[in-house]
């Protein structure tokens, strides 16, 4: 499994180097990364606002 991670890391570095050579691609990737972060934060925020369902039972016979 480590070999798979290393090959993924090597491939990632290779793709990043290629992207840096293309005009505008690095900036686009940066903007997309910031957009993805904002989406993740928004989902977390709205997830907290969803109503929570709490069920409980009581026994009043005692």
N, C-alpha and C. Protein backbone atom coordinates (compact mmCIF):
# COMPACT_ATOMS: atom_id res chain seq x y z
N UNK A 1 0.82 -1.20 0.00
CA UNK A 1 0.00 0.00 0.00
C UNK A 1 0.87 1.27 0.00
N UNK A 2 2.04 1.20 0.65
CA UNK A 2 2.93 2.36 0.65
C UNK A 2 3.37 2.72 -0.76
N UNK A 3 3.61 1.70 -1.56
CA UNK A 3 4.03 1.95 -2.93
C UNK A 3 2.94 2.71 -3.69
N UNK A 4 1.72 2.39 -3.44
CA UNK A 4 0.60 3.07 -4.10
C UNK A 4 0.56 4.53 -3.69
N UNK A 5 0.80 4.81 -2.39
CA UNK A 5 0.81 6.20 -1.92
C UNK A 5 1.97 6.96 -2.55
N UNK A 6 3.13 6.33 -2.64
CA UNK A 6 4.30 6.98 -3.24
C UNK A 6 4.06 7.28 -4.71
N UNK A 7 3.47 6.34 -5.43
CA UNK A 7 3.22 6.57 -6.84
C UNK A 7 2.18 7.67 -7.03
N UNK A 8 1.20 7.73 -6.13
CA UNK A 8 0.19 8.80 -6.20
C UNK A 8 0.85 10.15 -5.92
N UNK A 9 1.74 10.19 -4.95
CA UNK A 9 2.45 11.43 -4.63
C UNK A 9 3.34 11.88 -5.76
N UNK A 10 4.01 10.93 -6.40
CA UNK A 10 4.88 11.25 -7.54
C UNK A 10 4.04 11.76 -8.70
N UNK A 11 2.91 11.11 -8.94
CA UNK A 11 2.04 11.53 -10.03
C UNK A 11 1.47 12.92 -9.75
N UNK A 12 1.12 13.17 -8.49
CA UNK A 12 0.59 14.48 -8.09
C UNK A 12 1.63 15.57 -8.36
N UNK A 13 2.87 15.33 -7.94
CA UNK A 13 3.93 16.32 -8.16
C UNK A 13 4.15 16.57 -9.64
N UNK A 14 4.11 15.50 -10.43
CA UNK A 14 4.31 15.64 -11.88
C UNK A 14 3.19 16.49 -12.49
N UNK A 15 1.95 16.21 -12.09
CA UNK A 15 0.83 16.98 -12.62
C UNK A 15 0.90 18.44 -12.18
N UNK A 16 1.31 18.68 -10.94
CA UNK A 16 1.42 20.05 -10.45
C UNK A 16 2.49 20.81 -11.23
N UNK A 17 3.59 20.19 -11.51
CA UNK A 17 4.65 20.84 -12.29
C UNK A 17 4.17 21.17 -13.70
N UNK A 18 3.42 20.25 -14.30
CA UNK A 18 2.88 20.51 -15.63
C UNK A 18 1.86 21.66 -15.58
N UNK A 19 1.04 21.68 -14.54
CA UNK A 19 0.02 22.73 -14.42
C UNK A 19 0.66 24.10 -14.23
N UNK A 20 1.76 24.14 -13.49
CA UNK A 20 2.44 25.42 -13.25
C UNK A 20 3.02 26.00 -14.53
N UNK A 21 3.30 25.16 -15.50
CA UNK A 21 3.86 25.63 -16.77
C UNK A 21 2.79 26.22 -17.68
N UNK A 22 1.53 25.90 -17.41
CA UNK A 22 0.44 26.40 -18.26
C UNK A 22 -0.11 27.69 -17.67
N UNK A 23 -0.25 28.71 -18.50
CA UNK A 23 -0.73 29.99 -17.97
C UNK A 23 -2.17 29.89 -17.46
N UNK A 24 -2.36 30.34 -16.24
CA UNK A 24 -3.69 30.42 -15.65
C UNK A 24 -4.15 29.17 -14.94
N UNK A 25 -3.52 28.03 -15.18
CA UNK A 25 -3.99 26.79 -14.56
C UNK A 25 -3.74 26.79 -13.06
N UNK A 26 -2.58 27.25 -12.64
CA UNK A 26 -2.27 27.29 -11.21
C UNK A 26 -3.25 28.20 -10.48
N UNK A 27 -3.57 29.34 -11.08
CA UNK A 27 -4.51 30.27 -10.45
C UNK A 27 -5.90 29.65 -10.37
N UNK A 28 -6.28 28.96 -11.43
CA UNK A 28 -7.58 28.30 -11.44
C UNK A 28 -7.64 27.22 -10.36
N UNK A 29 -6.57 26.46 -10.21
CA UNK A 29 -6.54 25.43 -9.18
C UNK A 29 -6.61 26.05 -7.79
N UNK A 30 -5.96 27.18 -7.60
CA UNK A 30 -5.99 27.86 -6.30
C UNK A 30 -7.40 28.34 -5.99
N UNK A 31 -8.05 28.96 -6.97
CA UNK A 31 -9.42 29.45 -6.78
C UNK A 31 -10.35 28.28 -6.49
N UNK A 32 -10.21 27.18 -7.22
CA UNK A 32 -11.06 26.02 -7.01
C UNK A 32 -10.85 25.45 -5.61
N UNK A 33 -9.60 25.44 -5.15
CA UNK A 33 -9.30 24.95 -3.80
C UNK A 33 -9.98 25.80 -2.74
N UNK A 34 -9.94 27.12 -2.92
CA UNK A 34 -10.61 28.02 -1.97
C UNK A 34 -12.13 27.81 -2.04
N UNK A 35 -12.67 27.63 -3.22
CA UNK A 35 -14.10 27.39 -3.40
C UNK A 35 -14.51 26.10 -2.70
N UNK A 36 -13.70 25.06 -2.87
CA UNK A 36 -13.98 23.77 -2.23
C UNK A 36 -13.97 23.91 -0.71
N UNK A 37 -13.03 24.68 -0.18
CA UNK A 37 -12.97 24.91 1.27
C UNK A 37 -14.22 25.63 1.75
N UNK A 38 -14.66 26.65 1.03
CA UNK A 38 -15.86 27.38 1.41
C UNK A 38 -17.10 26.48 1.35
N UNK A 39 -17.18 25.63 0.35
CA UNK A 39 -18.30 24.70 0.27
C UNK A 39 -18.33 23.75 1.46
N UNK A 40 -17.16 23.25 1.83
CA UNK A 40 -17.07 22.34 2.97
C UNK A 40 -17.50 23.03 4.26
N UNK A 41 -17.04 24.26 4.46
CA UNK A 41 -17.42 25.02 5.65
C UNK A 41 -18.91 25.32 5.67
N UNK A 42 -19.48 25.61 4.51
CA UNK A 42 -20.91 25.91 4.42
C UNK A 42 -21.72 24.67 4.74
N UNK A 43 -21.30 23.52 4.23
CA UNK A 43 -22.02 22.27 4.54
C UNK A 43 -21.98 21.97 6.02
N UNK A 44 -20.84 22.20 6.67
CA UNK A 44 -20.73 21.97 8.11
C UNK A 44 -21.67 22.91 8.87
N UNK A 45 -21.70 24.16 8.45
CA UNK A 45 -22.55 25.16 9.12
C UNK A 45 -24.02 24.79 9.00
N UNK A 46 -24.47 24.51 7.78
CA UNK A 46 -25.87 24.18 7.59
C UNK A 46 -26.23 22.81 8.17
N UNK A 47 -25.25 21.93 8.28
CA UNK A 47 -25.48 20.64 8.92
C UNK A 47 -25.82 20.80 10.38
N UNK A 48 -25.23 21.81 11.03
CA UNK A 48 -25.52 22.08 12.43
C UNK A 48 -26.91 22.67 12.60
N UNK A 49 -27.45 23.28 11.58
CA UNK A 49 -28.76 23.93 11.68
C UNK A 49 -29.91 22.96 11.44
N UNK A 50 -29.62 21.76 10.94
CA UNK A 50 -30.68 20.78 10.71
C UNK A 50 -31.27 20.34 12.04
N UNK A 51 -32.58 20.15 12.06
CA UNK A 51 -33.20 19.73 13.32
C UNK A 51 -32.72 18.33 13.72
N UNK A 52 -32.48 18.16 15.00
CA UNK A 52 -32.07 16.89 15.53
C UNK A 52 -33.30 16.17 16.07
N UNK A 53 -33.41 14.90 15.78
CA UNK A 53 -34.53 14.12 16.26
C UNK A 53 -34.07 13.37 17.51
N UNK A 54 -34.78 13.63 18.61
CA UNK A 54 -34.46 12.98 19.88
C UNK A 54 -35.68 12.23 20.34
N UNK A 55 -35.56 10.95 20.51
CA UNK A 55 -36.65 10.12 21.00
C UNK A 55 -36.34 9.70 22.41
N UNK A 56 -37.33 9.76 23.25
CA UNK A 56 -37.12 9.25 24.61
C UNK A 56 -38.41 8.62 25.09
N UNK A 57 -38.27 7.72 26.00
CA UNK A 57 -39.43 7.08 26.60
C UNK A 57 -39.34 7.23 28.11
N UNK A 58 -40.49 7.31 28.73
CA UNK A 58 -40.51 7.38 30.18
C UNK A 58 -41.49 6.35 30.70
N UNK A 59 -41.24 5.95 31.88
CA UNK A 59 -42.15 5.00 32.53
C UNK A 59 -42.69 5.68 33.78
N UNK A 60 -43.92 6.12 33.73
CA UNK A 60 -44.52 6.87 34.85
C UNK A 60 -45.26 5.95 35.81
N UNK A 61 -45.12 4.65 35.69
CA UNK A 61 -45.87 3.73 36.54
C UNK A 61 -45.24 3.57 37.92
N UNK A 62 -44.07 4.02 38.13
CA UNK A 62 -43.40 3.83 39.43
C UNK A 62 -43.83 4.82 40.47
